[in-house]
Structure formats: structure tokens, C-alpha cells
Amino acid sequence: MTLDKARQLLGTQVSFGGGYNRNGARLILADVAKEHGQAAADALIREFRLDKLFGFAPGEPQ
């Protein structure tokens, strides 16, 4: 998955919020971390403020 596609998908998850979307965001971040490294996933967590919205912490494996 490209980082642009991950941003698009995370934007959708963030716009809806909720528990199911939290799980979807976690799967997207796991895929990003696998393909691009944990630093890329951490950057997306910060960019979309997923720490405040879903409780994801940068550096934490998804």
C-alpha cells in the first residue's frame, strides 16, 4: 500500500470514528509499518492525531 493510499483510507476511518473504524485504522497502520517501517506509521499517527482519537501511541506496534 502506498502512503498516499494509506492517508486516503485513514481519512475515511477518522471521519467516521467509532470502534470498528479504530480496528480498520489499526490494520492500515500495521500494513504501513510492515511495508514502510514503524517511523512511517508513527508519522501517520501524528498527522491524523490518532493518539487522541483512537488512543494509538507512536512507537507502539499496531
PDB file of N, CA and C in Angstrom:
ATOM      1  N   MET A   1       0.855  -1.172   0.000  1.00  0.00           N
ATOM      2  CA  MET A   1       0.000   0.000   0.000  1.00  0.00           C
ATOM      3  C   MET A   1       0.904   1.241   0.000  1.00  0.00           C
ATOM      4  N   THR A   2       0.555   2.201  -0.826  1.00  0.00           N
ATOM      5  CA  THR A   2       1.326   3.438  -0.849  1.00  0.00           C
ATOM      6  C   THR A   2       0.920   4.306   0.341  1.00  0.00           C
ATOM      7  N   LEU A   3       1.784   5.245   0.691  1.00  0.00           N
ATOM      8  CA  LEU A   3       1.462   6.140   1.802  1.00  0.00           C
ATOM      9  C   LEU A   3       0.292   7.057   1.449  1.00  0.00           C
ATOM     10  N   ASP A   4       0.185   7.429   0.175  1.00  0.00           N
ATOM     11  CA  ASP A   4      -0.958   8.251  -0.237  1.00  0.00           C
ATOM     12  C   ASP A   4      -2.275   7.494  -0.074  1.00  0.00           C
ATOM     13  N   LYS A   5      -2.280   6.228  -0.431  1.00  0.00           N
ATOM     14  CA  LYS A   5      -3.483   5.402  -0.273  1.00  0.00           C
ATOM     15  C   LYS A   5      -3.800   5.228   1.213  1.00  0.00           C
ATOM     16  N   ALA A   6      -2.771   5.038   2.033  1.00  0.00           N
ATOM     17  CA  ALA A   6      -2.981   4.905   3.476  1.00  0.00           C
ATOM     18  C   ALA A   6      -3.591   6.184   4.039  1.00  0.00           C
ATOM     19  N   ARG A   7      -3.113   7.348   3.579  1.00  0.00           N
ATOM     20  CA  ARG A   7      -3.679   8.621   4.034  1.00  0.00           C
ATOM     21  C   ARG A   7      -5.155   8.731   3.655  1.00  0.00           C
ATOM     22  N   GLN A   8      -5.468   8.325   2.443  1.00  0.00           N
ATOM     23  CA  GLN A   8      -6.860   8.375   1.978  1.00  0.00           C
ATOM     24  C   GLN A   8      -7.743   7.477   2.844  1.00  0.00           C
ATOM     25  N   LEU A   9      -7.291   6.252   3.089  1.00  0.00           N
ATOM     26  CA  LEU A   9      -8.073   5.308   3.881  1.00  0.00           C
ATOM     27  C   LEU A   9      -8.197   5.764   5.337  1.00  0.00           C
ATOM     28  N   LEU A  10      -7.113   6.286   5.903  1.00  0.00           N
ATOM     29  CA  LEU A  10      -7.169   6.762   7.285  1.00  0.00           C
ATOM     30  C   LEU A  10      -8.097   7.969   7.408  1.00  0.00           C
ATOM     31  N   GLY A  11      -8.116   8.813   6.390  1.00  0.00           N
ATOM     32  CA  GLY A  11      -9.037   9.946   6.405  1.00  0.00           C
ATOM     33  C   GLY A  11     -10.478   9.490   6.513  1.00  0.00           C
ATOM     34  N   THR A  12     -10.809   8.417   5.811  1.00  0.00           N
ATOM     35  CA  THR A  12     -12.156   7.853   5.883  1.00  0.00           C
ATOM     36  C   THR A  12     -12.438   7.305   7.273  1.00  0.00           C
ATOM     37  N   GLN A  13     -11.484   6.578   7.844  1.00  0.00           N
ATOM     38  CA  GLN A  13     -11.668   5.997   9.178  1.00  0.00           C
ATOM     39  C   GLN A  13     -11.865   7.097  10.220  1.00  0.00           C
ATOM     40  N   VAL A  14     -11.075   8.157  10.109  1.00  0.00           N
ATOM     41  CA  VAL A  14     -11.150   9.263  11.064  1.00  0.00           C
ATOM     42  C   VAL A  14     -12.483   9.993  10.948  1.00  0.00           C
ATOM     43  N   SER A  15     -12.969  10.154   9.728  1.00  0.00           N
ATOM     44  CA  SER A  15     -14.213  10.899   9.548  1.00  0.00           C
ATOM     45  C   SER A  15     -15.415  10.198  10.191  1.00  0.00           C
ATOM     46  N   PHE A  16     -15.371   8.880  10.262  1.00  0.00           N
ATOM     47  CA  PHE A  16     -16.473   8.138  10.872  1.00  0.00           C
ATOM     48  C   PHE A  16     -16.273   7.917  12.366  1.00  0.00           C
ATOM     49  N   GLY A  17     -15.018   7.699  12.798  1.00  0.00           N
ATOM     50  CA  GLY A  17     -14.757   7.426  14.211  1.00  0.00           C
ATOM     51  C   GLY A  17     -15.385   6.100  14.628  1.00  0.00           C
ATOM     52  N   GLY A  18     -15.385   5.807  15.901  1.00  0.00           N
ATOM     53  CA  GLY A  18     -16.023   4.595  16.413  1.00  0.00           C
ATOM     54  C   GLY A  18     -15.099   3.399  16.477  1.00  0.00           C
ATOM     55  N   GLY A  19     -15.575   2.355  17.137  1.00  0.00           N
ATOM     56  CA  GLY A  19     -14.785   1.159  17.400  1.00  0.00           C
ATOM     57  C   GLY A  19     -14.378   0.380  16.166  1.00  0.00           C
ATOM     58  N   TYR A  20     -15.303   0.195  15.241  1.00  0.00           N
ATOM     59  CA  TYR A  20     -14.969  -0.552  14.031  1.00  0.00           C
ATOM     60  C   TYR A  20     -13.939   0.203  13.207  1.00  0.00           C
ATOM     61  N   ASN A  21     -14.046   1.514  13.174  1.00  0.00           N
ATOM     62  CA  ASN A  21     -13.104   2.314  12.425  1.00  0.00           C
ATOM     63  C   ASN A  21     -11.735   2.337  13.106  1.00  0.00           C
ATOM     64  N   ARG A  22     -11.718   2.187  14.429  1.00  0.00           N
ATOM     65  CA  ARG A  22     -10.448   2.077  15.158  1.00  0.00           C
ATOM     66  C   ARG A  22      -9.714   0.825  14.696  1.00  0.00           C
ATOM     67  N   ASN A  23     -10.442  -0.270  14.579  1.00  0.00           N
ATOM     68  CA  ASN A  23      -9.827  -1.517  14.127  1.00  0.00           C
ATOM     69  C   ASN A  23      -9.343  -1.397  12.684  1.00  0.00           C
ATOM     70  N   GLY A  24     -10.114  -0.725  11.836  1.00  0.00           N
ATOM     71  CA  GLY A  24      -9.704  -0.509  10.459  1.00  0.00           C
ATOM     72  C   GLY A  24      -8.433   0.322  10.386  1.00  0.00           C
ATOM     73  N   ALA A  25      -8.369   1.382  11.199  1.00  0.00           N
ATOM     74  CA  ALA A  25      -7.176   2.226  11.231  1.00  0.00           C
ATOM     75  C   ALA A  25      -5.973   1.427  11.716  1.00  0.00           C
ATOM     76  N   ARG A  26      -6.182   0.557  12.686  1.00  0.00           N
ATOM     77  CA  ARG A  26      -5.086  -0.278  13.210  1.00  0.00           C
ATOM     78  C   ARG A  26      -4.540  -1.192  12.101  1.00  0.00           C
ATOM     79  N   LEU A  27      -5.420  -1.765  11.307  1.00  0.00           N
ATOM     80  CA  LEU A  27      -4.985  -2.631  10.209  1.00  0.00           C
ATOM     81  C   LEU A  27      -4.205  -1.846   9.152  1.00  0.00           C
ATOM     82  N   ILE A  28      -4.662  -0.649   8.846  1.00  0.00           N
ATOM     83  CA  ILE A  28      -3.962   0.190   7.876  1.00  0.00           C
ATOM     84  C   ILE A  28      -2.567   0.529   8.392  1.00  0.00           C
ATOM     85  N   LEU A  29      -2.474   0.919   9.654  1.00  0.00           N
ATOM     86  CA  LEU A  29      -1.172   1.258  10.240  1.00  0.00           C
ATOM     87  C   LEU A  29      -0.240   0.051  10.293  1.00  0.00           C
ATOM     88  N   ALA A  30      -0.786  -1.121  10.559  1.00  0.00           N
ATOM     89  CA  ALA A  30       0.034  -2.330  10.576  1.00  0.00           C
ATOM     90  C   ALA A  30       0.612  -2.608   9.190  1.00  0.00           C
ATOM     91  N   ASP A  31      -0.192  -2.404   8.164  1.00  0.00           N
ATOM     92  CA  ASP A  31       0.274  -2.606   6.796  1.00  0.00           C
ATOM     93  C   ASP A  31       1.350  -1.581   6.438  1.00  0.00           C
ATOM     94  N   VAL A  32       1.143  -0.339   6.829  1.00  0.00           N
ATOM     95  CA  VAL A  32       2.140   0.706   6.576  1.00  0.00           C
ATOM     96  C   VAL A  32       3.442   0.378   7.296  1.00  0.00           C
ATOM     97  N   ALA A  33       3.354  -0.033   8.549  1.00  0.00           N
ATOM     98  CA  ALA A  33       4.557  -0.366   9.314  1.00  0.00           C
ATOM     99  C   ALA A  33       5.308  -1.533   8.675  1.00  0.00           C
ATOM    100  N   LYS A  34       4.579  -2.496   8.165  1.00  0.00           N
ATOM    101  CA  LYS A  34       5.210  -3.658   7.531  1.00  0.00           C
ATOM    102  C   LYS A  34       5.928  -3.259   6.247  1.00  0.00           C
ATOM    103  N   GLU A  35       5.309  -2.407   5.442  1.00  0.00           N
ATOM    104  CA  GLU A  35       5.873  -2.057   4.135  1.00  0.00           C
ATOM    105  C   GLU A  35       6.851  -0.888   4.183  1.00  0.00           C
ATOM    106  N   HIS A  36       6.605   0.085   5.083  1.00  0.00           N
ATOM    107  CA  HIS A  36       7.395   1.315   5.072  1.00  0.00           C
ATOM    108  C   HIS A  36       8.154   1.570   6.373  1.00  0.00           C
ATOM    109  N   GLY A  37       7.911   0.755   7.380  1.00  0.00           N
ATOM    110  CA  GLY A  37       8.600   0.911   8.663  1.00  0.00           C
ATOM    111  C   GLY A  37       7.735   1.619   9.696  1.00  0.00           C
ATOM    112  N   GLN A  38       8.116   1.423  10.946  1.00  0.00           N
ATOM    113  CA  GLN A  38       7.350   1.987  12.061  1.00  0.00           C
ATOM    114  C   GLN A  38       7.370   3.510  12.048  1.00  0.00           C
ATOM    115  N   ALA A  39       8.444   4.111  11.555  1.00  0.00           N
ATOM    116  CA  ALA A  39       8.524   5.576  11.509  1.00  0.00           C
ATOM    117  C   ALA A  39       7.425   6.156  10.626  1.00  0.00           C
ATOM    118  N   ALA A  40       7.120   5.500   9.512  1.00  0.00           N
ATOM    119  CA  ALA A  40       6.054   5.969   8.625  1.00  0.00           C
ATOM    120  C   ALA A  40       4.698   5.845   9.317  1.00  0.00           C
ATOM    121  N   ALA A  41       4.477   4.752  10.030  1.00  0.00           N
ATOM    122  CA  ALA A  41       3.224   4.574  10.768  1.00  0.00           C
ATOM    123  C   ALA A  41       3.107   5.620  11.878  1.00  0.00           C
ATOM    124  N   ASP A  42       4.206   5.903  12.570  1.00  0.00           N
ATOM    125  CA  ASP A  42       4.193   6.918  13.620  1.00  0.00           C
ATOM    126  C   ASP A  42       3.864   8.293  13.054  1.00  0.00           C
ATOM    127  N   ALA A  43       4.398   8.592  11.872  1.00  0.00           N
ATOM    128  CA  ALA A  43       4.117   9.882  11.237  1.00  0.00           C
ATOM    129  C   ALA A  43       2.625  10.017  10.921  1.00  0.00           C
ATOM    130  N   LEU A  44       2.010   8.929  10.472  1.00  0.00           N
ATOM    131  CA  LEU A  44       0.571   8.962  10.187  1.00  0.00           C
ATOM    132  C   LEU A  44      -0.246   9.116  11.468  1.00  0.00           C
ATOM    133  N   ILE A  45       0.202   8.489  12.542  1.00  0.00           N
ATOM    134  CA  ILE A  45      -0.483   8.630  13.831  1.00  0.00           C
ATOM    135  C   ILE A  45      -0.484  10.095  14.249  1.00  0.00           C
ATOM    136  N   ARG A  46       0.669  10.745  14.090  1.00  0.00           N
ATOM    137  CA  ARG A  46       0.754  12.169  14.449  1.00  0.00           C
ATOM    138  C   ARG A  46      -0.060  13.033  13.485  1.00  0.00           C
ATOM    139  N   GLU A  47       0.047  12.749  12.189  1.00  0.00           N
ATOM    140  CA  GLU A  47      -0.642  13.550  11.167  1.00  0.00           C
ATOM    141  C   GLU A  47      -2.154  13.555  11.375  1.00  0.00           C
ATOM    142  N   PHE A  48      -2.712  12.389  11.672  1.00  0.00           N
ATOM    143  CA  PHE A  48      -4.162  12.278  11.835  1.00  0.00           C
ATOM    144  C   PHE A  48      -4.613  12.370  13.290  1.00  0.00           C
ATOM    145  N   ARG A  49      -3.660  12.632  14.184  1.00  0.00           N
ATOM    146  CA  ARG A  49      -3.953  12.746  15.624  1.00  0.00           C
ATOM    147  C   ARG A  49      -4.660  11.500  16.153  1.00  0.00           C
ATOM    148  N   LEU A  50      -4.196  10.347  15.697  1.00  0.00           N
ATOM    149  CA  LEU A  50      -4.811   9.079  16.095  1.00  0.00           C
ATOM    150  C   LEU A  50      -4.554   8.760  17.561  1.00  0.00           C
ATOM    151  N   ASP A  51      -3.557   9.415  18.152  1.00  0.00           N
ATOM    152  CA  ASP A  51      -3.318   9.224  19.581  1.00  0.00           C
ATOM    153  C   ASP A  51      -4.501   9.757  20.389  1.00  0.00           C
ATOM    154  N   LYS A  52      -5.049  10.879  19.981  1.00  0.00           N
ATOM    155  CA  LYS A  52      -6.187  11.461  20.694  1.00  0.00           C
ATOM    156  C   LYS A  52      -7.515  10.814  20.288  1.00  0.00           C
ATOM    157  N   LEU A  53      -7.647  10.464  19.017  1.00  0.00           N
ATOM    158  CA  LEU A  53      -8.908   9.935  18.518  1.00  0.00           C
ATOM    159  C   LEU A  53      -9.118   8.471  18.896  1.00  0.00           C
ATOM    160  N   PHE A  54      -8.091   7.636  18.657  1.00  0.00           N
ATOM    161  CA  PHE A  54      -8.233   6.193  18.888  1.00  0.00           C
ATOM    162  C   PHE A  54      -7.331   5.656  19.993  1.00  0.00           C
ATOM    163  N   GLY A  55      -6.463   6.494  20.562  1.00  0.00           N
ATOM    164  CA  GLY A  55      -5.584   6.048  21.626  1.00  0.00           C
ATOM    165  C   GLY A  55      -4.325   5.332  21.140  1.00  0.00           C
ATOM    166  N   PHE A  56      -3.966   5.492  19.871  1.00  0.00           N
ATOM    167  CA  PHE A  56      -2.741   4.876  19.353  1.00  0.00           C
ATOM    168  C   PHE A  56      -1.549   5.734  19.770  1.00  0.00           C
ATOM    169  N   ALA A  57      -0.488   5.106  20.209  1.00  0.00           N
ATOM    170  CA  ALA A  57       0.708   5.838  20.602  1.00  0.00           C
ATOM    171  C   ALA A  57       1.813   5.594  19.570  1.00  0.00           C
ATOM    172  N   PRO A  58       2.511   6.660  19.162  1.00  0.00           N
ATOM    173  CA  PRO A  58       3.649   6.462  18.264  1.00  0.00           C
ATOM    174  C   PRO A  58       4.666   5.510  18.904  1.00  0.00           C
ATOM    175  N   GLY A  59       5.244   4.653  18.087  1.00  0.00           N
ATOM    176  CA  GLY A  59       6.216   3.681  18.576  1.00  0.00           C
ATOM    177  C   GLY A  59       5.601   2.379  19.051  1.00  0.00           C
ATOM    178  N   GLU A  60       4.297   2.360  19.188  1.00  0.00           N
ATOM    179  CA  GLU A  60       3.571   1.182  19.648  1.00  0.00           C
ATOM    180  C   GLU A  60       3.233   0.300  18.436  1.00  0.00           C
ATOM    181  N   PRO A  61       3.590  -0.972  18.482  1.00  0.00           N
ATOM    182  CA  PRO A  61       3.251  -1.835  17.339  1.00  0.00           C
ATOM    183  C   PRO A  61       1.739  -1.912  17.152  1.00  0.00           C
ATOM    184  N   GLN A  62       1.333  -1.858  15.907  1.00  0.00           N
ATOM    185  CA  GLN A  62      -0.088  -1.917  15.584  1.00  0.00           C
ATOM    186  C   GLN A  62      -0.394  -3.328  15.204  1.00  0.00           C
TER     187      GLN A  62
END
